[in-house]
Amino acid sequence: MNTARRVFAGFIQSSSASGAATRPKRGPLLYAATLCALLFAAGAASESAVAAERTLEGSWIVHVIPDPETGIPPFVNLASFTKDGRAFNSDPTEGAALGEWIRIGDHKFASTFMGFTNLGRGPLLNKVRAEAEVGPTGNTFEGPFIAEVFNEDGSVALSITGTGSGTRIVLERLP
């Protein structure tokens, strides 16, 4: 039984055992505090379980390193991968991108996401295809990528290769 269920089961048992006549009145603040504690416990337990499974599921700080011949300096993105295979990416200059991800092997994953870019000719679609292998702790990944920018007619205007490495964003409690 996970931590949240144990706490909730104990709370229900002590409430019903005390009887309505002798039970002290509990205000909404106490109920809200109890709910917050349960949510924090469930979140911490699920984050640890996700990392232990070495899955891509979760949110990441991604260090993007284009190949040197591209002339593009390294930069940082934020990415999230949901349990149902959705991918969300946030780039500091291009904005958001949406996509999909799947497991392709033992601790190995593939993702494809699309967004918009501007090469001075207005917004153009771009597509990034990447593979990642999650490290032994479950809190890092590394792998290659190919990014393509498409002209209005669908032809490839620009293709960029490189590598990316991610560090899992973990829950941090207030002091």
Foldseek 3Di string as FASTA:
>chain_A
DAPLVVLVVVVVVVVVVCDDVRDDDDDPVVVVVNVVVSVVRVQQVVVQVQLQQLEQAAKKWKWWPWDVVVVDHIDIKIWHAHPVFKIWIQDPPFGIWIWGKDADDRQKIKIKIKGWDCPPPDTWIKMKIWMWHGDNRSFKIKTKMKMFTADPVGHTPDIIIGMMMIGGDGDDDDD
